[in-house]
Protein backbone atom coordinates (compact mmCIF):
# COMPACT_ATOMS: atom_id res chain seq x y z
CA UNK A 1 126.58 81.64 -133.42
CA UNK A 2 127.60 79.07 -130.79
CA UNK A 3 124.65 77.89 -128.70
CA UNK A 4 126.58 75.44 -126.54
CA UNK A 5 127.58 76.30 -123.02
CA UNK A 6 131.16 76.11 -121.82
CA UNK A 7 131.65 73.15 -119.45
CA UNK A 8 131.86 75.29 -116.32
CA UNK A 9 128.70 77.20 -117.27
CA UNK A 10 126.94 73.95 -118.11
CA UNK A 11 127.98 72.43 -114.77
CA UNK A 12 126.69 75.52 -112.97
CA UNK A 13 123.42 75.35 -114.88
CA UNK A 14 122.97 71.65 -114.08
CA UNK A 15 123.92 72.34 -110.46
CA UNK A 16 121.29 75.07 -110.20
CA UNK A 17 118.76 72.77 -111.84
CA UNK A 18 119.60 70.04 -109.35
CA UNK A 19 119.18 72.42 -106.43
CA UNK A 20 115.74 73.48 -107.67
CA UNK A 21 114.56 69.97 -108.49
CA UNK A 22 115.80 68.68 -105.14
CA UNK A 23 113.89 71.44 -103.35
CA UNK A 24 110.71 70.63 -105.29
CA UNK A 25 111.14 66.97 -104.37
CA UNK A 26 111.45 67.97 -100.71
CA UNK A 27 114.83 66.30 -100.29
CA UNK A 28 117.80 67.49 -98.30
CA UNK A 29 121.27 67.11 -99.76
CA UNK A 30 121.78 64.16 -97.41
CA UNK A 31 118.48 62.56 -98.48
CA UNK A 32 119.49 62.85 -102.12
CA UNK A 33 122.97 61.45 -101.47
CA UNK A 34 121.48 58.45 -99.66
CA UNK A 35 118.97 57.82 -102.44
CA UNK A 36 121.71 58.02 -105.06
CA UNK A 37 123.94 55.69 -103.05
CA UNK A 38 121.07 53.21 -102.88
CA UNK A 39 121.07 53.27 -106.70
CA UNK A 40 124.76 52.42 -106.86
CA UNK A 41 126.25 55.92 -107.07
CA UNK A 42 128.84 56.68 -104.44
CA UNK A 43 127.38 59.99 -103.27
CA UNK A 44 127.66 61.84 -100.01
CA UNK A 45 126.13 65.15 -98.95
CA UNK A 46 129.32 66.90 -100.10
CA UNK A 47 128.89 65.37 -103.57
CA UNK A 48 125.47 66.97 -103.88
CA UNK A 49 126.84 70.29 -102.62
CA UNK A 50 129.72 70.26 -105.13
CA UNK A 51 127.42 69.39 -108.03
CA UNK A 52 124.93 72.09 -107.03
CA UNK A 53 127.75 74.65 -106.96
CA UNK A 54 128.99 73.52 -110.37
CA UNK A 55 132.33 72.46 -108.85
CA UNK A 56 131.79 68.81 -109.80
CA UNK A 57 130.19 67.75 -113.06
CA UNK A 58 127.25 65.39 -113.01
CA UNK A 59 128.44 62.18 -114.64
CA UNK A 60 126.35 60.85 -117.48
CA UNK A 61 125.90 57.48 -115.78
CA UNK A 62 124.54 59.29 -112.70
CA UNK A 63 122.02 61.39 -114.58
CA UNK A 64 119.48 58.62 -115.18
CA UNK A 65 119.53 57.55 -111.53
CA UNK A 66 119.22 61.18 -110.48
CA UNK A 67 116.18 61.72 -112.69
CA UNK A 68 114.57 58.59 -111.24
CA UNK A 69 115.25 59.71 -107.66
CA UNK A 70 113.88 63.18 -108.32
CA UNK A 71 110.90 61.91 -110.32
CA UNK A 72 111.75 64.03 -113.33
CA UNK A 73 113.16 63.64 -116.83
CA UNK A 74 116.75 63.95 -117.98
CA UNK A 75 115.70 67.06 -119.87
CA UNK A 76 114.52 68.64 -116.63
CA UNK A 77 117.87 67.85 -115.02
CA UNK A 78 119.63 69.49 -117.98
CA UNK A 79 117.39 72.51 -118.43
CA UNK A 80 115.24 73.12 -115.39
CA UNK A 81 112.83 76.01 -115.45
CA UNK A 82 110.12 77.20 -113.13
CA UNK A 83 107.33 76.12 -115.45
CA UNK A 84 108.72 72.58 -115.59
CA UNK A 85 109.16 72.61 -111.81
CA UNK A 86 105.60 73.77 -111.31
CA UNK A 87 104.40 71.00 -113.63
CA UNK A 88 106.44 68.42 -111.74
CA UNK A 89 105.11 69.62 -108.40
CA UNK A 90 101.56 69.69 -109.77
CA UNK A 91 101.88 66.06 -110.91
CA UNK A 92 103.13 65.09 -107.45
CA UNK A 93 100.29 66.95 -105.71
CA UNK A 94 97.72 65.39 -108.02
CA UNK A 95 99.11 61.91 -107.33
CA UNK A 96 99.01 62.56 -103.58
CA UNK A 97 95.41 63.79 -103.87
CA UNK A 98 94.49 60.57 -105.69
CA UNK A 99 96.18 58.53 -102.94
CA UNK A 100 94.36 60.45 -100.20
CA UNK A 101 91.02 60.15 -101.97
CA UNK A 102 91.56 56.41 -102.23
CA UNK A 103 92.37 56.24 -98.53
CA UNK A 104 89.32 58.35 -97.70
CA UNK A 105 87.10 56.03 -99.75
CA UNK A 106 88.52 53.01 -97.92
CA UNK A 107 87.89 54.68 -94.54
CA UNK A 108 84.33 55.54 -95.57
CA UNK A 109 83.78 51.90 -96.56
CA UNK A 110 85.09 50.75 -93.18
CA UNK A 111 82.82 53.23 -91.41
CA UNK A 112 79.81 52.00 -93.38
CA UNK A 113 80.69 48.39 -92.55
CA UNK A 114 81.12 49.33 -88.89
CA UNK A 115 77.73 51.07 -88.80
CA UNK A 116 76.07 48.06 -90.41
CA UNK A 117 77.69 45.73 -87.91
CA UNK A 118 76.66 48.03 -85.08
CA UNK A 119 73.04 47.88 -86.25
CA UNK A 120 73.21 44.10 -86.52
CA UNK A 121 74.54 43.83 -82.98
CA UNK A 122 71.88 46.22 -81.64
CA UNK A 123 69.20 44.13 -83.32
CA UNK A 124 70.61 40.99 -81.73
CA UNK A 125 70.75 42.65 -78.32
CA UNK A 126 67.21 44.03 -78.67
CA UNK A 127 65.96 40.60 -79.69
CA UNK A 128 67.53 38.89 -76.69
CA UNK A 129 66.06 41.46 -74.28
CA UNK A 130 62.49 40.83 -75.40
């Protein structure tokens, strides 16, 4: 029994995986092309489109950069599934929640400092009025 995919089927599978991972990452084809170009890959929006359709194979040397841009593993690029996508999205949401909680804590600290300063200033003003 042969478990390997023919090249065209493999390219279509990788292309479909890329499409799904890109959507989860919230990137347009143009966004992805620009991010890949910034990593030294000569990509344009049409490159992404052709790879997603399976018309152009993903080059091995591009795969690592692609995984980094998408925030996933090479295995997820090769064999994307909805469970992996959900896990990836969950990790991103959890990280964003941590970032927002940190920002909220900083804002609460600033508010506390502002309230303390306000009380100090009121005390000074009350003392000068008496």
